[in-house]
Amino acid sequence: MGITVDVSGQTKAQLRETLKKIQARVRDRAVFIGIPAGSGEQDGMTIARLGAIHEFGATIDHPGGTQYGYTTEDDAHDGKVRFQSTGKGVMALGITGPHQIIIPERSFLRAPLRAHTEDIKKAWRAIIPKVIKGELTLLNGLHQIGARASAFCRDAIKDGIAPANAASTIRKKGSSTPLIDQGILVSKITYRVEG
């Protein structure tokens, strides 16, 4: 990535020294975007693990044993079979056997960051001259990049990530937007500056 900067008040030699100092400080720093360990739990699972499952997808080997049937008389008339709590519903039709549940990949970190690579580079190019001029510290600049990048990830979830939720998931959640149930996952996406 090339950066063009106009700086007044420094000779070329002084500017080269300033850039070397900034480069040395940046080399040992990194901005991480994601859900940190210790972000809490939801339904008995850590938020970080839940995020990883959605980011990369997963296959669950379900042991079976879940009752299914008609929950209401209307469901029976319409032929709508649903999973049920054992002993509940109008008519139990059976119990599931062992099967796999496929959770599709819904990248809310990698995909938005890739999609906004140019925006992040543009922000970085705007920050570097301010750091060189002493108007902004490098650390504050890295925090700005982290805040911007994590916002791209949160916005991607709010805008909707493919694939769409299954009809059964929409009924259970009451929402058709993937990855938003109680809003916990999206609220835990943040950044960390290290180094």
Protein backbone atom coordinates (compact mmCIF):
# COMPACT_ATOMS: atom_id res chain seq x y z
CA MET A 1 0.00 0.00 0.00
CA GLY A 2 1.54 3.30 -1.07
CA ILE A 3 0.98 6.44 0.94
CA THR A 4 1.53 9.96 -0.32
CA VAL A 5 1.96 12.61 2.38
CA ASP A 6 2.70 16.33 2.31
CA VAL A 7 4.46 17.39 5.49
CA SER A 8 5.84 20.84 6.10
CA GLY A 9 8.33 21.81 8.75
CA GLN A 10 10.60 18.79 8.32
CA THR A 11 13.46 18.11 6.00
CA LYS A 12 13.44 14.92 3.96
CA ALA A 13 15.96 13.41 6.36
CA GLN A 14 13.81 14.32 9.39
CA LEU A 15 10.74 12.93 7.69
CA ARG A 16 12.57 9.68 6.92
CA GLU A 17 13.53 9.39 10.61
CA THR A 18 9.93 10.08 11.70
CA LEU A 19 8.62 7.41 9.31
CA LYS A 20 11.21 4.89 10.57
CA LYS A 21 10.08 5.52 14.15
CA ILE A 22 6.42 5.06 13.21
CA GLN A 23 7.22 1.91 11.26
CA ALA A 24 9.11 0.47 14.24
CA ARG A 25 6.13 1.18 16.52
CA VAL A 26 3.57 -0.24 14.06
CA ARG A 27 5.59 -3.41 13.45
CA ASP A 28 5.00 -4.59 17.01
CA ARG A 29 1.30 -3.67 17.09
CA ALA A 30 -1.79 -5.36 15.78
CA VAL A 31 -5.52 -4.71 15.75
CA PHE A 32 -7.68 -7.78 16.33
CA ILE A 33 -11.38 -7.81 15.43
CA GLY A 34 -13.77 -10.40 16.86
CA ILE A 35 -15.37 -11.72 20.01
CA PRO A 36 -12.88 -12.04 22.86
CA ALA A 37 -12.84 -14.97 25.25
CA GLY A 38 -14.70 -14.05 28.41
CA SER A 39 -17.48 -12.22 26.53
CA GLY A 40 -20.12 -14.19 28.37
CA GLU A 41 -22.46 -17.07 27.63
CA GLN A 42 -25.75 -17.62 25.88
CA ASP A 43 -27.81 -20.78 26.35
CA GLY A 44 -24.89 -22.59 28.03
CA MET A 45 -22.33 -21.79 25.31
CA THR A 46 -19.64 -19.11 25.32
CA ILE A 47 -20.36 -16.22 22.96
CA ALA A 48 -16.89 -16.67 21.43
CA ARG A 49 -17.67 -20.32 20.56
CA LEU A 50 -21.10 -19.39 19.21
CA GLY A 51 -19.41 -16.77 17.03
CA ALA A 52 -16.88 -19.31 15.73
CA ILE A 53 -19.68 -21.73 14.83
CA HIS A 54 -21.45 -19.07 12.79
CA GLU A 55 -18.26 -17.68 11.25
CA PHE A 56 -17.00 -21.05 10.00
CA GLY A 57 -20.11 -23.26 10.02
CA ALA A 58 -20.41 -26.54 11.91
CA THR A 59 -21.78 -30.05 11.77
CA ILE A 60 -23.51 -31.37 14.87
CA ASP A 61 -23.93 -35.12 15.36
CA HIS A 62 -27.32 -35.16 17.06
CA PRO A 63 -28.06 -38.35 19.02
CA GLY A 64 -31.78 -38.20 18.15
CA GLY A 65 -34.59 -38.67 20.62
CA THR A 66 -36.49 -35.46 19.79
CA GLN A 67 -40.26 -35.87 19.51
CA TYR A 68 -42.00 -34.49 16.43
CA GLY A 69 -45.63 -34.20 15.44
CA TYR A 70 -48.54 -31.76 15.28
CA THR A 71 -48.40 -29.03 17.88
CA THR A 72 -51.97 -27.78 17.30
CA GLU A 73 -55.09 -29.03 15.52
CA ASP A 74 -54.51 -26.39 12.82
CA ASP A 75 -51.00 -27.79 12.27
CA ALA A 76 -52.54 -31.27 11.86
CA HIS A 77 -55.06 -30.00 9.30
CA ASP A 78 -52.29 -28.12 7.44
CA GLY A 79 -49.81 -31.02 7.66
CA LYS A 80 -47.22 -28.88 9.54
CA VAL A 81 -44.97 -31.21 11.48
CA ARG A 82 -42.85 -29.57 14.17
CA PHE A 83 -40.40 -30.61 16.87
CA GLN A 84 -42.10 -30.83 20.24
CA SER A 85 -41.28 -31.12 23.89
CA THR A 86 -41.85 -34.73 24.94
CA GLY A 87 -45.46 -35.28 25.85
CA LYS A 88 -46.62 -31.97 24.32
CA GLY A 89 -48.70 -31.22 21.25
CA VAL A 90 -51.86 -32.62 19.75
CA MET A 91 -50.27 -35.69 18.18
CA ALA A 92 -46.79 -37.14 18.39
CA LEU A 93 -45.76 -38.82 15.15
CA GLY A 94 -42.42 -40.15 16.23
CA ILE A 95 -38.97 -39.53 17.63
CA THR A 96 -35.95 -38.57 15.56
CA GLY A 97 -33.11 -40.99 15.10
CA PRO A 98 -29.45 -40.01 15.12
CA HIS A 99 -28.76 -37.40 12.45
CA GLN A 100 -26.50 -34.53 11.50
CA ILE A 101 -27.43 -30.88 11.78
CA ILE A 102 -25.54 -28.64 9.36
CA ILE A 103 -25.04 -25.04 10.47
CA PRO A 104 -23.98 -23.06 7.40
CA GLU A 105 -21.05 -20.65 7.40
CA ARG A 106 -22.22 -17.07 7.90
CA SER A 107 -19.03 -15.03 7.94
CA PHE A 108 -19.67 -11.90 9.96
CA LEU A 109 -15.95 -11.15 10.45
CA ARG A 110 -13.87 -12.24 7.46
CA ALA A 111 -16.37 -11.38 4.72
CA PRO A 112 -17.16 -7.81 5.88
CA LEU A 113 -13.50 -7.06 6.54
CA ARG A 114 -12.57 -8.29 3.07
CA ALA A 115 -15.43 -6.27 1.56
CA HIS A 116 -14.22 -3.13 3.34
CA THR A 117 -10.47 -3.57 2.82
CA GLU A 118 -10.26 -0.43 0.69
CA ASP A 119 -12.25 1.59 3.27
CA ILE A 120 -9.86 0.46 6.01
CA LYS A 121 -6.81 1.30 3.86
CA LYS A 122 -8.29 4.72 3.10
CA ALA A 123 -8.83 5.37 6.82
CA TRP A 124 -5.25 4.28 7.56
CA ARG A 125 -3.94 6.60 4.83
CA ALA A 126 -5.83 9.47 6.48
CA ILE A 127 -4.46 8.63 9.94
CA ILE A 128 -0.74 8.32 9.06
CA PRO A 129 -0.23 12.00 8.14
CA LYS A 130 -1.86 13.02 11.43
CA VAL A 131 0.51 10.73 13.33
CA ILE A 132 3.49 12.14 11.44
CA LYS A 133 2.41 15.71 12.22
CA GLY A 134 1.85 14.82 15.88
CA GLU A 135 -1.86 15.60 15.72
CA LEU A 136 -2.75 12.03 16.69
CA THR A 137 -0.92 9.29 18.55
CA LEU A 138 -0.30 5.99 16.80
CA LEU A 139 -2.28 4.20 19.50
CA ASN A 140 -5.31 6.46 18.97
CA GLY A 141 -5.03 5.86 15.22
CA LEU A 142 -5.03 2.09 15.72
CA HIS A 143 -8.08 2.43 18.00
CA GLN A 144 -9.86 4.35 15.24
CA ILE A 145 -9.10 1.57 12.76
CA GLY A 146 -10.34 -1.07 15.22
CA ALA A 147 -13.56 0.82 15.94
CA ARG A 148 -14.24 1.28 12.23
CA ALA A 149 -13.50 -2.35 11.33
CA SER A 150 -15.61 -3.81 14.15
CA ALA A 151 -18.50 -1.52 13.12
CA PHE A 152 -18.34 -2.98 9.60
CA CYS A 153 -18.83 -6.45 11.13
CA ARG A 154 -21.74 -5.41 13.34
CA ASP A 155 -23.40 -3.62 10.42
CA ALA A 156 -23.06 -6.72 8.23
CA ILE A 157 -25.08 -8.75 10.74
CA LYS A 158 -27.75 -6.05 11.06
CA ASP A 159 -28.02 -5.85 7.25
CA GLY A 160 -28.41 -9.64 7.00
CA ILE A 161 -25.90 -12.36 6.14
CA ALA A 162 -26.63 -15.19 3.70
CA PRO A 163 -27.84 -17.85 3.77
CA ALA A 164 -31.29 -16.96 5.06
CA ASN A 165 -32.64 -18.63 8.17
CA ALA A 166 -34.67 -21.79 7.75
CA ALA A 167 -38.42 -21.42 8.21
CA SER A 168 -38.20 -23.42 11.47
CA THR A 169 -35.53 -21.03 12.79
CA ILE A 170 -37.63 -18.00 11.87
CA ARG A 171 -40.62 -19.47 13.76
CA LYS A 172 -38.48 -20.21 16.81
CA LYS A 173 -36.68 -16.83 16.87
CA GLY A 174 -39.47 -14.67 15.55
CA SER A 175 -36.94 -13.01 13.21
CA SER A 176 -35.73 -13.69 9.70
CA THR A 177 -32.36 -11.94 10.18
CA PRO A 178 -29.57 -14.52 10.56
CA LEU A 179 -27.32 -14.23 13.64
CA ILE A 180 -29.70 -11.93 15.49
CA ASP A 181 -31.69 -13.57 18.22
CA GLN A 182 -31.30 -11.64 21.45
CA GLY A 183 -28.68 -9.27 20.01
CA ILE A 184 -25.97 -10.65 22.30
CA LEU A 185 -23.56 -11.89 19.61
CA VAL A 186 -23.57 -8.64 17.64
CA SER A 187 -23.08 -6.60 20.83
CA LYS A 188 -19.92 -8.54 21.71
CA ILE A 189 -18.06 -7.84 18.44
CA THR A 190 -15.20 -5.54 19.33
CA TYR A 191 -11.52 -4.91 18.71
CA ARG A 192 -8.30 -5.03 20.66
CA VAL A 193 -5.01 -3.28 19.99
CA GLU A 194 -1.99 -5.32 21.04
CA GLY A 195 1.66 -4.50 21.27
